[in-house]
Amino acid sequence: MALLVSSRRAATLLAGALLVAVAACSKPGLQGQTYRDQEVAFRVGAVPSTWRPIELDQTRLAFRDDESRATIAVNGRCGQDGDDVPLTALTQHLFLVFTDRSLLSQEKLALDGRAALHTVVTARLDGVERRFSVYVLKKDGCVYDFLFIADPSTDTSAFAAFDRFVRGFTTIE
């Protein structure tokens, strides 16, 4: 009987060690449509073929759409500022360094089962005008920002591809 208990315990410990080893070996970053790192894990909608990954400070994911000359940025931060800050304030915070801000539209919607805010703004940085499509979501102590930054004349189909990408977002435990 003692041998059976000991064997079960050893098997349980081995299985746990294997799970830890597999998790430790999984590469952080985007794999297909799933992003994982030490702090967050989530899925996004399909990444259009015209988007190529780029490195961008203070983002989890970033892409450049060479076809529409747009930049796409996704960030997620946990335990810092989300619990008691309204979505409108979190959105406004993204535009503090810009001038000549003009709100084109703003709508509340559900994203991954939570309230989110979608905002479209034109603004200038160093005199250069840009059009932004921004989604902000709070979930499970984290704040997620999704930004599409393009020339104001960018075709609406590029913005629609971004919308599909964002609407595919779900967190992963």
Protein backbone atom coordinates (compact mmCIF):
# COMPACT_ATOMS: atom_id res chain seq x y z
CA MET A 1 0.00 0.00 0.00
CA ALA A 2 2.81 2.41 0.92
CA LEU A 3 4.51 1.65 -2.41
CA LEU A 4 1.29 2.48 -4.31
CA VAL A 5 0.91 5.83 -2.51
CA SER A 6 4.58 6.61 -3.08
CA SER A 7 4.28 5.77 -6.81
CA ARG A 8 1.20 7.98 -7.18
CA ARG A 9 2.92 10.84 -5.41
CA ALA A 10 6.00 10.46 -7.60
CA ALA A 11 3.82 10.42 -10.73
CA THR A 12 1.99 13.55 -9.57
CA LEU A 13 5.27 15.34 -8.86
CA LEU A 14 6.67 14.29 -12.24
CA ALA A 15 3.56 15.50 -14.07
CA GLY A 16 3.76 18.84 -12.25
CA ALA A 17 7.44 19.20 -13.11
CA LEU A 18 6.71 18.46 -16.77
CA LEU A 19 3.97 21.10 -16.85
CA VAL A 20 6.34 23.67 -15.37
CA ALA A 21 9.05 22.72 -17.85
CA VAL A 22 6.70 22.98 -20.83
CA ALA A 23 5.40 26.35 -19.62
CA ALA A 24 8.94 27.62 -19.09
CA CYS A 25 9.93 26.56 -22.60
CA SER A 26 6.98 28.21 -24.32
CA LYS A 27 8.21 31.23 -26.17
CA PRO A 28 6.73 34.56 -25.07
CA GLY A 29 5.14 36.66 -27.78
CA LEU A 30 2.65 36.06 -30.55
CA GLN A 31 2.22 32.50 -31.78
CA GLY A 32 -0.52 32.41 -34.43
CA GLN A 33 -3.30 34.47 -32.90
CA THR A 34 -2.25 33.86 -29.27
CA TYR A 35 -0.03 36.20 -27.29
CA ARG A 36 1.62 35.11 -24.03
CA ASP A 37 4.19 36.56 -21.68
CA GLN A 38 4.80 36.47 -17.92
CA GLU A 39 1.96 38.90 -17.17
CA VAL A 40 -0.81 38.44 -19.75
CA ALA A 41 -2.16 35.92 -22.22
CA PHE A 42 -4.77 36.63 -24.88
CA ARG A 43 -6.02 35.85 -28.37
CA VAL A 44 -6.69 38.38 -31.10
CA GLY A 45 -8.53 38.20 -34.39
CA ALA A 46 -6.79 37.27 -37.60
CA VAL A 47 -3.69 39.33 -38.39
CA PRO A 48 -4.04 40.64 -41.96
CA SER A 49 -1.31 39.54 -44.35
CA THR A 50 -0.31 43.17 -44.97
CA TRP A 51 0.67 43.62 -41.31
CA ARG A 52 4.26 42.86 -40.36
CA PRO A 53 5.50 42.67 -36.76
CA ILE A 54 7.66 45.54 -35.51
CA GLU A 55 9.28 46.45 -32.19
CA LEU A 56 7.65 49.39 -30.45
CA ASP A 57 8.41 50.58 -26.91
CA GLN A 58 5.74 50.11 -24.25
CA THR A 59 3.65 47.66 -26.29
CA ARG A 60 2.97 43.94 -26.12
CA LEU A 61 2.37 43.70 -29.88
CA ALA A 62 3.02 46.10 -32.72
CA PHE A 63 2.60 45.89 -36.46
CA ARG A 64 3.18 48.06 -39.49
CA ASP A 65 0.66 47.88 -42.33
CA ASP A 66 2.79 48.89 -45.31
CA GLU A 67 -0.24 48.93 -47.58
CA SER A 68 -2.10 51.60 -45.62
CA ARG A 69 1.06 53.01 -43.97
CA ALA A 70 -0.53 52.51 -40.55
CA THR A 71 0.88 51.45 -37.20
CA ILE A 72 -0.99 49.04 -34.94
CA ALA A 73 -0.15 48.77 -31.24
CA VAL A 74 -1.55 46.53 -28.50
CA ASN A 75 -0.72 46.92 -24.85
CA GLY A 76 -1.84 45.23 -21.68
CA ARG A 77 -0.86 46.25 -18.18
CA CYS A 78 -2.06 44.67 -14.97
CA GLY A 79 -2.41 45.91 -11.42
CA GLN A 80 -1.45 49.49 -12.22
CA ASP A 81 -4.31 51.84 -13.01
CA GLY A 82 -7.44 50.12 -14.14
CA ASP A 83 -9.74 49.30 -11.28
CA ASP A 84 -11.15 52.70 -10.43
CA VAL A 85 -10.38 54.74 -13.56
CA PRO A 86 -13.22 55.18 -16.10
CA LEU A 87 -12.67 54.03 -19.68
CA THR A 88 -13.01 57.61 -20.96
CA ALA A 89 -10.18 58.79 -18.69
CA LEU A 90 -7.97 55.85 -19.74
CA THR A 91 -8.65 56.74 -23.38
CA GLN A 92 -7.92 60.45 -22.89
CA HIS A 93 -4.64 59.56 -21.22
CA LEU A 94 -3.45 58.02 -24.51
CA PHE A 95 -3.69 61.43 -26.20
CA LEU A 96 -2.00 63.70 -23.65
CA VAL A 97 1.01 64.48 -25.89
CA PHE A 98 -1.11 65.31 -28.95
CA THR A 99 -2.52 68.68 -29.98
CA ASP A 100 -5.53 69.70 -32.06
CA ARG A 101 -7.52 66.68 -30.90
CA SER A 102 -10.88 66.22 -32.56
CA LEU A 103 -13.27 63.51 -31.40
CA LEU A 104 -14.93 61.91 -34.44
CA SER A 105 -16.86 59.16 -32.65
CA GLN A 106 -17.04 57.28 -29.40
CA GLU A 107 -19.09 54.21 -28.57
CA LYS A 108 -19.41 51.76 -25.73
CA LEU A 109 -19.46 48.10 -26.70
CA ALA A 110 -18.86 44.65 -25.29
CA LEU A 111 -15.46 43.09 -25.88
CA ASP A 112 -14.60 39.70 -24.39
CA GLY A 113 -17.69 39.93 -22.22
CA ARG A 114 -16.75 43.30 -20.69
CA ALA A 115 -17.54 46.94 -21.33
CA ALA A 116 -15.08 48.58 -23.70
CA LEU A 117 -14.80 51.99 -25.32
CA HIS A 118 -14.07 52.52 -29.02
CA THR A 119 -12.91 56.03 -29.88
CA VAL A 120 -11.96 57.57 -33.24
CA VAL A 121 -9.91 60.77 -33.01
CA THR A 122 -7.79 62.96 -35.24
CA ALA A 123 -4.86 64.65 -33.52
CA ARG A 124 -1.47 66.16 -34.28
CA LEU A 125 1.99 65.32 -33.02
CA ASP A 126 4.71 67.78 -34.02
CA GLY A 127 2.29 69.25 -36.55
CA VAL A 128 1.58 65.95 -38.33
CA GLU A 129 -2.09 64.96 -38.35
CA ARG A 130 -3.04 61.35 -37.68
CA ARG A 131 -6.29 59.45 -37.36
CA PHE A 132 -6.61 57.04 -34.44
CA SER A 133 -8.99 54.18 -33.86
CA VAL A 134 -8.61 53.18 -30.21
CA TYR A 135 -10.23 50.46 -28.11
CA VAL A 136 -9.78 50.42 -24.33
CA LEU A 137 -10.90 47.50 -22.17
CA LYS A 138 -10.55 46.65 -18.47
CA LYS A 139 -10.67 43.01 -17.46
CA ASP A 140 -9.48 41.07 -14.41
CA GLY A 141 -7.28 43.89 -13.06
CA CYS A 142 -5.71 44.60 -16.46
CA VAL A 143 -6.16 47.43 -18.96
CA TYR A 144 -5.84 46.62 -22.66
CA ASP A 145 -5.30 49.33 -25.30
CA PHE A 146 -5.58 48.70 -29.03
CA LEU A 147 -4.48 51.51 -31.37
CA PHE A 148 -4.61 51.94 -35.13
CA ILE A 149 -2.68 55.04 -36.18
CA ALA A 150 -2.85 56.22 -39.78
CA ASP A 151 -2.99 59.17 -42.11
CA PRO A 152 -6.47 60.77 -42.04
CA SER A 153 -6.97 59.85 -45.70
CA THR A 154 -6.37 56.12 -45.11
CA ASP A 155 -9.01 53.91 -46.73
CA THR A 156 -11.76 52.77 -44.36
CA SER A 157 -11.09 49.11 -45.25
CA ALA A 158 -7.81 49.30 -43.29
CA PHE A 159 -9.72 50.47 -40.22
CA ALA A 160 -12.26 47.65 -40.75
CA ALA A 161 -9.44 45.07 -40.70
CA PHE A 162 -8.27 46.53 -37.39
CA ASP A 163 -11.80 46.34 -35.98
CA ARG A 164 -11.98 42.63 -36.86
CA PHE A 165 -8.58 42.06 -35.27
CA VAL A 166 -9.69 43.72 -32.01
CA ARG A 167 -13.14 42.12 -31.90
CA GLY A 168 -11.41 38.72 -31.89
CA PHE A 169 -9.78 39.56 -28.55
CA THR A 170 -10.24 37.17 -25.62
CA THR A 171 -8.15 36.75 -22.51
CA ILE A 172 -6.65 33.37 -21.65
CA GLU A 173 -6.11 32.08 -18.12
